[in-house]
Each structure stands twice: as structure tokens, then as C-alpha cells.
Amino acid sequence: MARLAARKSRKPSIQGRSRAGGGTAAAAPADVADRDQARQAVGRAVAEFGRLDVVVNNAGLALVGPAEAAPEDEWDRMLAVNVEGLLHVTRAALPHLVGAAADSPRRVADLVTISSTAGRVARAGQAVYSLTKSGVNAFSESLRQELQPKRVRVGVVGPGTVATELSTHLRPGIREAVAGQLGDMELLRPEDVADAVVYMVTRERRVAVNEMLVRAGEQTW
């Protein structure tokens, strides 16, 4: 609950930055792992703006560590957010994306999911996290084929190591071990991932960028 409250506290800042840049913003805090909350958040966006042209599935957890000693509730949480949350938001959004693509001047709508390099390269200590992200990739590829005739592009952005709050979710000991593995590597910033998403969704209709890997410059895996 503390983290949800912290995220809610960011609303004024995020909305203010958007408006300062000439945009319009609305916020609908939700636990995407809860089907009803996810559906309501999508409905709020459609009610606020009248349509839904782009959806970015970005919620995720990376609770890594040796499988033998992992608390199973961590696995449950990753499956709930990384997989079920993705499914809930996507299912609620699809009819609106199809509708937007049908009458959009751009003749296209976009569904983008943030995956991870862990969805392509499995490493020790990341078994369940890699499982969820590999699933994200397979789900997205199937949807890509299904939605292509309806002019909804489906894309996946797979970031490597990014400087975000993900590491704060780790258990003590695991957090220090991960920091030791990274050493003094210069990590990606959130805006680097956002740039990849913007590039993907702003292409002309004739161009479909379905997958992008964005690694930190010093990352070898």
C-alpha cells in the first residue's frame, strides 16, 4: 500500500509536466493484477479522451534470486503483475484499439508491451522472471499476427538494465548481490526506454517495428 500511495503522489507532477508540454493528462491509479481495476482504468481513459490509440503495458516486477530459496509469494506476485496484469489491460483495451484504428487519420493504433532482455536470455537467479517475460514475447507475437489485418500494430520493447525502483522490491542480500553484479555500469534511464516506445508508435502505417532490444551500452548479456 505504501508503494501505491507513493505512485499516487506522483500524479500532480506527471500531469503538470504533460500540460506544460502542451498535452493533456488524466490519471487512474489501479492494480493491474486486479481484473476489475484494470478494466476501470482503461474505461476511465476512454471516457476522458473519447478514444484509445496507443496502449503501453509497462507494469512489472523483477523479484530475482535463487529458485531453491525463493519465497513462492514472490513468484505469485510476478505472475500476477507481469502476466495477468498484461492480460487484463490488453483484453480491456483491444476493442478500443481496433475501433480507433478503423477511424484514425493515421490508419493505425498501437499496443506496446515492455518486456526485458530476460525474455530472450535466461540467467541464473531469474527463472520465473524470465518465464514471465518469455511469455510476454510469445503472447505479443501471437497478437501481432491476429491484429495485423485490423491495423493494430503490436510491439515489444525489451530493455536491459534500467535505473528504476525495481531493485527496491528485492529482499536484502539479493539487492546487494545484484548491485555487485552491476558494479559501476552506467544503467539505462527510463527516458531511454520511453524514446524507444515513441519511435515505435510514431512510424508511418507502412512501417511496423515489432521488437526493439535496448541494452545499456556496457551490458554483455
C-alpha atoms as a PDB file:
ATOM      1  CA  MET A   1       0.000   0.000   0.000  1.00  0.00           C
ATOM      2  CA  ALA A   2       2.891   2.369   0.711  1.00  0.00           C
ATOM      3  CA  ARG A   3       4.201   1.991  -2.843  1.00  0.00           C
ATOM      4  CA  LEU A   4       0.729   2.556  -4.302  1.00  0.00           C
ATOM      5  CA  ALA A   5       0.408   5.700  -2.199  1.00  0.00           C
ATOM      6  CA  ALA A   6       3.821   6.857  -3.421  1.00  0.00           C
ATOM      7  CA  ARG A   7       2.793   6.325  -7.032  1.00  0.00           C
ATOM      8  CA  LYS A   8      -0.430   8.256  -6.443  1.00  0.00           C
ATOM      9  CA  SER A   9       1.609  11.135  -5.069  1.00  0.00           C
ATOM     10  CA  ARG A  10       3.340  11.457  -8.458  1.00  0.00           C
ATOM     11  CA  LYS A  11       0.102  12.286 -10.250  1.00  0.00           C
ATOM     12  CA  PRO A  12       0.333  16.088  -9.926  1.00  0.00           C
ATOM     13  CA  SER A  13       3.939  16.113 -11.173  1.00  0.00           C
ATOM     14  CA  ILE A  14       3.241  13.856 -14.155  1.00  0.00           C
ATOM     15  CA  GLN A  15       0.105  15.718 -15.121  1.00  0.00           C
ATOM     16  CA  GLY A  16       1.855  19.065 -14.692  1.00  0.00           C
ATOM     17  CA  ARG A  17       4.752  18.081 -16.973  1.00  0.00           C
ATOM     18  CA  SER A  18       2.351  16.870 -19.626  1.00  0.00           C
ATOM     19  CA  ARG A  19       0.317  20.056 -19.546  1.00  0.00           C
ATOM     20  CA  ALA A  20       3.439  22.198 -19.566  1.00  0.00           C
ATOM     21  CA  GLY A  21       4.428  20.454 -22.783  1.00  0.00           C
ATOM     22  CA  GLY A  22       1.096  21.253 -24.383  1.00  0.00           C
ATOM     23  CA  GLY A  23      -0.542  17.907 -23.666  1.00  0.00           C
ATOM     24  CA  THR A  24      -3.497  16.726 -21.636  1.00  0.00           C
ATOM     25  CA  ALA A  25      -3.222  14.155 -18.855  1.00  0.00           C
ATOM     26  CA  ALA A  26      -5.544  12.130 -16.667  1.00  0.00           C
ATOM     27  CA  ALA A  27      -4.550   9.597 -14.015  1.00  0.00           C
ATOM     28  CA  ALA A  28      -6.383   6.466 -12.920  1.00  0.00           C
ATOM     29  CA  PRO A  29      -4.348   4.560 -10.289  1.00  0.00           C
ATOM     30  CA  ALA A  30      -5.055   0.830 -10.440  1.00  0.00           C
ATOM     31  CA  ASP A  31      -3.663  -2.564  -9.522  1.00  0.00           C
ATOM     32  CA  VAL A  32      -3.448  -4.157 -12.963  1.00  0.00           C
ATOM     33  CA  ALA A  33      -3.385  -7.619 -11.393  1.00  0.00           C
ATOM     34  CA  ASP A  34      -7.000  -6.981 -10.413  1.00  0.00           C
ATOM     35  CA  ARG A  35      -9.186  -7.527 -13.491  1.00  0.00           C
ATOM     36  CA  ASP A  36     -11.875  -5.049 -12.432  1.00  0.00           C
ATOM     37  CA  GLN A  37      -9.399  -2.297 -11.593  1.00  0.00           C
ATOM     38  CA  ALA A  38      -7.600  -2.772 -14.900  1.00  0.00           C
ATOM     39  CA  ARG A  39     -10.872  -2.613 -16.821  1.00  0.00           C
ATOM     40  CA  GLN A  40     -11.945   0.505 -14.924  1.00  0.00           C
ATOM     41  CA  ALA A  41      -8.620   2.253 -15.645  1.00  0.00           C
ATOM     42  CA  VAL A  42      -8.968   1.581 -19.358  1.00  0.00           C
ATOM     43  CA  GLY A  43     -12.582   2.766 -19.225  1.00  0.00           C
ATOM     44  CA  ARG A  44     -11.512   5.953 -17.470  1.00  0.00           C
ATOM     45  CA  ALA A  45      -9.006   6.729 -20.233  1.00  0.00           C
ATOM     46  CA  VAL A  46     -11.609   6.183 -22.941  1.00  0.00           C
ATOM     47  CA  ALA A  47     -14.187   8.267 -21.076  1.00  0.00           C
ATOM     48  CA  GLU A  48     -11.680  11.083 -20.588  1.00  0.00           C
ATOM     49  CA  PHE A  49     -10.352  11.264 -24.141  1.00  0.00           C
ATOM     50  CA  GLY A  50     -13.040   9.611 -26.219  1.00  0.00           C
ATOM     51  CA  ARG A  51     -10.772   7.006 -27.799  1.00  0.00           C
ATOM     52  CA  LEU A  52      -7.679   4.864 -27.241  1.00  0.00           C
ATOM     53  CA  ASP A  53      -4.991   4.966 -29.929  1.00  0.00           C
ATOM     54  CA  VAL A  54      -1.943   3.732 -28.006  1.00  0.00           C
ATOM     55  CA  VAL A  55      -1.590   1.413 -25.033  1.00  0.00           C
ATOM     56  CA  VAL A  56       1.740   0.729 -23.314  1.00  0.00           C
ATOM     57  CA  ASN A  57       1.833  -2.192 -20.887  1.00  0.00           C
ATOM     58  CA  ASN A  58       4.605  -1.162 -18.526  1.00  0.00           C
ATOM     59  CA  ALA A  59       3.743  -2.581 -15.090  1.00  0.00           C
ATOM     60  CA  GLY A  60       6.194  -5.227 -13.951  1.00  0.00           C
ATOM     61  CA  LEU A  61       8.139  -6.821 -11.113  1.00  0.00           C
ATOM     62  CA  ALA A  62      11.595  -8.420 -11.186  1.00  0.00           C
ATOM     63  CA  LEU A  63      11.928 -10.393  -7.939  1.00  0.00           C
ATOM     64  CA  VAL A  64      15.085 -12.307  -8.736  1.00  0.00           C
ATOM     65  CA  GLY A  65      17.161 -14.717  -6.664  1.00  0.00           C
ATOM     66  CA  PRO A  66      17.981 -18.444  -6.431  1.00  0.00           C
ATOM     67  CA  ALA A  67      14.891 -20.558  -7.066  1.00  0.00           C
ATOM     68  CA  GLU A  68      15.627 -23.028  -4.275  1.00  0.00           C
ATOM     69  CA  ALA A  69      15.270 -20.370  -1.592  1.00  0.00           C
ATOM     70  CA  ALA A  70      12.733 -18.093  -3.267  1.00  0.00           C
ATOM     71  CA  PRO A  71       9.548 -17.247  -1.340  1.00  0.00           C
ATOM     72  CA  GLU A  72       6.741 -18.581  -3.505  1.00  0.00           C
ATOM     73  CA  ASP A  73       4.687 -15.483  -2.898  1.00  0.00           C
ATOM     74  CA  GLU A  74       7.299 -13.587  -4.947  1.00  0.00           C
ATOM     75  CA  TRP A  75       6.630 -15.925  -7.859  1.00  0.00           C
ATOM     76  CA  ASP A  76       2.902 -15.407  -7.406  1.00  0.00           C
ATOM     77  CA  ARG A  77       3.332 -11.632  -7.447  1.00  0.00           C
ATOM     78  CA  MET A  78       5.414 -11.693 -10.633  1.00  0.00           C
ATOM     79  CA  LEU A  79       2.882 -13.892 -12.389  1.00  0.00           C
ATOM     80  CA  ALA A  80       0.043 -11.658 -11.191  1.00  0.00           C
ATOM     81  CA  VAL A  81       1.599  -8.401 -12.399  1.00  0.00           C
ATOM     82  CA  ASN A  82       3.799  -9.424 -15.345  1.00  0.00           C
ATOM     83  CA  VAL A  83       1.360 -11.895 -16.901  1.00  0.00           C
ATOM     84  CA  GLU A  84      -2.155 -11.473 -15.514  1.00  0.00           C
ATOM     85  CA  GLY A  85      -1.860  -7.676 -15.401  1.00  0.00           C
ATOM     86  CA  LEU A  86      -0.781  -7.663 -19.034  1.00  0.00           C
ATOM     87  CA  LEU A  87      -3.729  -9.871 -19.965  1.00  0.00           C
ATOM     88  CA  HIS A  88      -6.280  -7.800 -18.057  1.00  0.00           C
ATOM     89  CA  VAL A  89      -5.219  -4.460 -19.547  1.00  0.00           C
ATOM     90  CA  THR A  90      -4.815  -5.845 -23.052  1.00  0.00           C
ATOM     91  CA  ARG A  91      -8.204  -7.573 -23.067  1.00  0.00           C
ATOM     92  CA  ALA A  92      -9.942  -4.414 -21.871  1.00  0.00           C
ATOM     93  CA  ALA A  93      -8.118  -2.232 -24.399  1.00  0.00           C
ATOM     94  CA  LEU A  94      -8.352  -4.334 -27.564  1.00  0.00           C
ATOM     95  CA  PRO A  95     -11.879  -3.356 -28.684  1.00  0.00           C
ATOM     96  CA  HIS A  96     -10.982   0.317 -28.267  1.00  0.00           C
ATOM     97  CA  LEU A  97      -7.715  -0.036 -30.187  1.00  0.00           C
ATOM     98  CA  VAL A  98      -9.450  -1.840 -33.046  1.00  0.00           C
ATOM     99  CA  GLY A  99     -12.092   0.874 -33.132  1.00  0.00           C
ATOM    100  CA  ALA A 100      -9.504   3.662 -33.087  1.00  0.00           C
ATOM    101  CA  ALA A 101      -7.510   2.086 -35.925  1.00  0.00           C
ATOM    102  CA  ALA A 102     -10.646   1.901 -38.056  1.00  0.00           C
ATOM    103  CA  ASP A 103     -11.283   5.661 -37.984  1.00  0.00           C
ATOM    104  CA  SER A 104      -7.851   7.113 -37.245  1.00  0.00           C
ATOM    105  CA  PRO A 105      -6.324   9.592 -39.736  1.00  0.00           C
ATOM    106  CA  ARG A 106      -3.107   7.616 -39.217  1.00  0.00           C
ATOM    107  CA  ARG A 107      -4.970   4.402 -40.097  1.00  0.00           C
ATOM    108  CA  VAL A 108      -3.277   2.573 -37.230  1.00  0.00           C
ATOM    109  CA  ALA A 109      -3.325   2.005 -33.463  1.00  0.00           C
ATOM    110  CA  ASP A 110      -0.533   0.612 -31.294  1.00  0.00           C
ATOM    111  CA  LEU A 111      -0.201  -1.868 -28.450  1.00  0.00           C
ATOM    112  CA  VAL A 112       3.277  -1.905 -26.917  1.00  0.00           C
ATOM    113  CA  THR A 113       4.467  -4.087 -24.065  1.00  0.00           C
ATOM    114  CA  ILE A 114       7.652  -3.581 -22.070  1.00  0.00           C
ATOM    115  CA  SER A 115       9.402  -6.932 -21.853  1.00  0.00           C
ATOM    116  CA  SER A 116      13.063  -7.450 -20.935  1.00  0.00           C
ATOM    117  CA  THR A 117      16.295  -8.887 -22.243  1.00  0.00           C
ATOM    118  CA  ALA A 118      15.485 -11.612 -19.675  1.00  0.00           C
ATOM    119  CA  GLY A 119      12.779 -12.742 -22.071  1.00  0.00           C
ATOM    120  CA  ARG A 120      15.479 -13.642 -24.584  1.00  0.00           C
ATOM    121  CA  VAL A 121      18.490 -14.547 -22.420  1.00  0.00           C
ATOM    122  CA  ALA A 122      17.709 -16.585 -19.299  1.00  0.00           C
ATOM    123  CA  ARG A 123      20.233 -16.231 -16.473  1.00  0.00           C
ATOM    124  CA  ALA A 124      20.724 -17.960 -13.150  1.00  0.00           C
ATOM    125  CA  GLY A 125      18.533 -16.433 -10.470  1.00  0.00           C
ATOM    126  CA  GLN A 126      15.946 -15.140 -12.924  1.00  0.00           C
ATOM    127  CA  ALA A 127      13.980 -18.315 -13.685  1.00  0.00           C
ATOM    128  CA  VAL A 128      10.469 -17.066 -13.002  1.00  0.00           C
ATOM    129  CA  TYR A 129      11.145 -13.518 -14.174  1.00  0.00           C
ATOM    130  CA  SER A 130      12.449 -14.909 -17.470  1.00  0.00           C
ATOM    131  CA  LEU A 131       9.421 -17.191 -17.631  1.00  0.00           C
ATOM    132  CA  THR A 132       7.081 -14.203 -17.430  1.00  0.00           C
ATOM    133  CA  LYS A 133       8.969 -12.137 -19.978  1.00  0.00           C
ATOM    134  CA  SER A 134       9.321 -15.021 -22.433  1.00  0.00           C
ATOM    135  CA  GLY A 135       5.567 -15.402 -22.118  1.00  0.00           C
ATOM    136  CA  VAL A 136       5.095 -11.695 -22.813  1.00  0.00           C
ATOM    137  CA  ASN A 137       7.067 -12.094 -26.034  1.00  0.00           C
ATOM    138  CA  ALA A 138       5.084 -15.128 -27.204  1.00  0.00           C
ATOM    139  CA  PHE A 139       1.750 -13.503 -26.326  1.00  0.00           C
ATOM    140  CA  SER A 140       2.699 -10.370 -28.244  1.00  0.00           C
ATOM    141  CA  GLU A 141       3.797 -12.283 -31.336  1.00  0.00           C
ATOM    142  CA  SER A 142       0.509 -14.178 -31.472  1.00  0.00           C
ATOM    143  CA  LEU A 143      -1.429 -10.938 -31.077  1.00  0.00           C
ATOM    144  CA  ARG A 144       0.666  -9.307 -33.785  1.00  0.00           C
ATOM    145  CA  GLN A 145      -0.445 -11.896 -36.292  1.00  0.00           C
ATOM    146  CA  GLU A 146      -4.060 -11.728 -35.165  1.00  0.00           C
ATOM    147  CA  LEU A 147      -4.392  -7.939 -35.150  1.00  0.00           C
ATOM    148  CA  GLN A 148      -2.353  -7.041 -38.226  1.00  0.00           C
ATOM    149  CA  PRO A 149      -5.406  -7.192 -40.542  1.00  0.00           C
ATOM    150  CA  LYS A 150      -7.214  -4.822 -38.173  1.00  0.00           C
ATOM    151  CA  ARG A 151      -4.420  -2.239 -38.377  1.00  0.00           C
ATOM    152  CA  VAL A 152      -3.382  -2.587 -34.744  1.00  0.00           C
ATOM    153  CA  ARG A 153       0.396  -2.861 -34.531  1.00  0.00           C
ATOM    154  CA  VAL A 154       1.790  -4.929 -31.679  1.00  0.00           C
ATOM    155  CA  GLY A 155       5.286  -4.187 -30.456  1.00  0.00           C
ATOM    156  CA  VAL A 156       7.646  -5.288 -27.708  1.00  0.00           C
ATOM    157  CA  VAL A 157      10.432  -3.204 -26.211  1.00  0.00           C
ATOM    158  CA  GLY A 158      12.973  -5.323 -24.334  1.00  0.00           C
ATOM    159  CA  PRO A 159      15.135  -3.153 -22.074  1.00  0.00           C
ATOM    160  CA  GLY A 160      18.265  -4.313 -20.348  1.00  0.00           C
ATOM    161  CA  THR A 161      19.336  -2.826 -17.029  1.00  0.00           C
ATOM    162  CA  VAL A 162      17.417   0.356 -16.221  1.00  0.00           C
ATOM    163  CA  ALA A 163      17.792   2.666 -13.240  1.00  0.00           C
ATOM    164  CA  THR A 164      14.289   2.356 -11.769  1.00  0.00           C
ATOM    165  CA  GLU A 165      12.675   1.430  -8.480  1.00  0.00           C
ATOM    166  CA  LEU A 166      12.570  -2.269  -9.421  1.00  0.00           C
ATOM    167  CA  SER A 167      15.577  -3.025  -7.237  1.00  0.00           C
ATOM    168  CA  THR A 168      13.824  -1.622  -4.156  1.00  0.00           C
ATOM    169  CA  HIS A 169      11.427  -4.603  -4.293  1.00  0.00           C
ATOM    170  CA  LEU A 170      14.253  -7.077  -3.763  1.00  0.00           C
ATOM    171  CA  ARG A 171      14.974  -8.783  -0.469  1.00  0.00           C
ATOM    172  CA  PRO A 172      18.044  -7.610   1.490  1.00  0.00           C
ATOM    173  CA  GLY A 173      21.004  -9.662   0.400  1.00  0.00           C
ATOM    174  CA  ILE A 174      19.601 -10.186  -3.074  1.00  0.00           C
ATOM    175  CA  ARG A 175      19.589  -6.434  -3.616  1.00  0.00           C
ATOM    176  CA  GLU A 176      23.246  -6.160  -2.647  1.00  0.00           C
ATOM    177  CA  ALA A 177      24.181  -9.141  -4.816  1.00  0.00           C
ATOM    178  CA  VAL A 178      22.514  -7.590  -7.852  1.00  0.00           C
ATOM    179  CA  ALA A 179      24.225  -4.263  -7.201  1.00  0.00           C
ATOM    180  CA  GLY A 180      27.544  -6.101  -7.017  1.00  0.00           C
ATOM    181  CA  GLN A 181      26.928  -7.773 -10.375  1.00  0.00           C
ATOM    182  CA  LEU A 182      26.191  -4.437 -11.992  1.00  0.00           C
ATOM    183  CA  GLY A 183      29.215  -2.748 -10.454  1.00  0.00           C
ATOM    184  CA  ASP A 184      29.709   0.746 -11.846  1.00  0.00           C
ATOM    185  CA  MET A 185      27.851   0.058 -15.088  1.00  0.00           C
ATOM    186  CA  GLU A 186      26.022   3.110 -16.396  1.00  0.00           C
ATOM    187  CA  LEU A 187      22.424   1.968 -16.497  1.00  0.00           C
ATOM    188  CA  LEU A 188      19.735   2.959 -18.941  1.00  0.00           C
ATOM    189  CA  ARG A 189      17.393   5.703 -17.838  1.00  0.00           C
ATOM    190  CA  PRO A 190      13.593   5.460 -18.060  1.00  0.00           C
ATOM    191  CA  GLU A 191      13.576   8.099 -20.769  1.00  0.00           C
ATOM    192  CA  ASP A 192      15.755   5.849 -22.937  1.00  0.00           C
ATOM    193  CA  VAL A 193      13.021   3.210 -22.880  1.00  0.00           C
ATOM    194  CA  ALA A 194      10.366   5.875 -23.457  1.00  0.00           C
ATOM    195  CA  ASP A 195      12.286   7.042 -26.535  1.00  0.00           C
ATOM    196  CA  ALA A 196      12.105   3.521 -27.961  1.00  0.00           C
ATOM    197  CA  VAL A 197       8.347   3.401 -27.388  1.00  0.00           C
ATOM    198  CA  VAL A 198       7.846   6.809 -29.007  1.00  0.00           C
ATOM    199  CA  TYR A 199       9.874   5.737 -32.033  1.00  0.00           C
ATOM    200  CA  MET A 200       7.814   2.566 -32.374  1.00  0.00           C
ATOM    201  CA  VAL A 201       4.379   4.219 -32.230  1.00  0.00           C
ATOM    202  CA  THR A 202       5.191   7.230 -34.434  1.00  0.00           C
ATOM    203  CA  ARG A 203       6.158   5.297 -37.563  1.00  0.00           C
ATOM    204  CA  GLU A 204       4.019   5.612 -40.669  1.00  0.00           C
ATOM    205  CA  ARG A 205       1.389   2.942 -41.193  1.00  0.00           C
ATOM    206  CA  ARG A 206       3.581   1.123 -43.706  1.00  0.00           C
ATOM    207  CA  VAL A 207       6.234   0.535 -41.007  1.00  0.00           C
ATOM    208  CA  ALA A 208       5.797  -1.933 -38.144  1.00  0.00           C
ATOM    209  CA  VAL A 209       8.627  -2.015 -35.626  1.00  0.00           C
ATOM    210  CA  ASN A 210       7.559  -5.137 -33.757  1.00  0.00           C
ATOM    211  CA  GLU A 211      10.526  -5.630 -31.437  1.00  0.00           C
ATOM    212  CA  MET A 212      13.328  -3.489 -30.049  1.00  0.00           C
ATOM    213  CA  LEU A 213      16.149  -4.512 -27.706  1.00  0.00           C
ATOM    214  CA  VAL A 214      17.578  -1.596 -25.745  1.00  0.00           C
ATOM    215  CA  ARG A 215      20.586  -2.559 -23.681  1.00  0.00           C
ATOM    216  CA  ALA A 216      22.853  -0.437 -21.525  1.00  0.00           C
ATOM    217  CA  GLY A 217      25.990   0.299 -23.515  1.00  0.00           C
ATOM    218  CA  GLU A 218      28.167  -1.847 -21.200  1.00  0.00           C
ATOM    219  CA  GLN A 219      25.719  -4.714 -20.810  1.00  0.00           C
ATOM    220  CA  THR A 220      27.032  -8.022 -22.170  1.00  0.00           C
ATOM    221  CA  TRP A 221      24.010 -10.286 -21.620  1.00  0.00           C
END
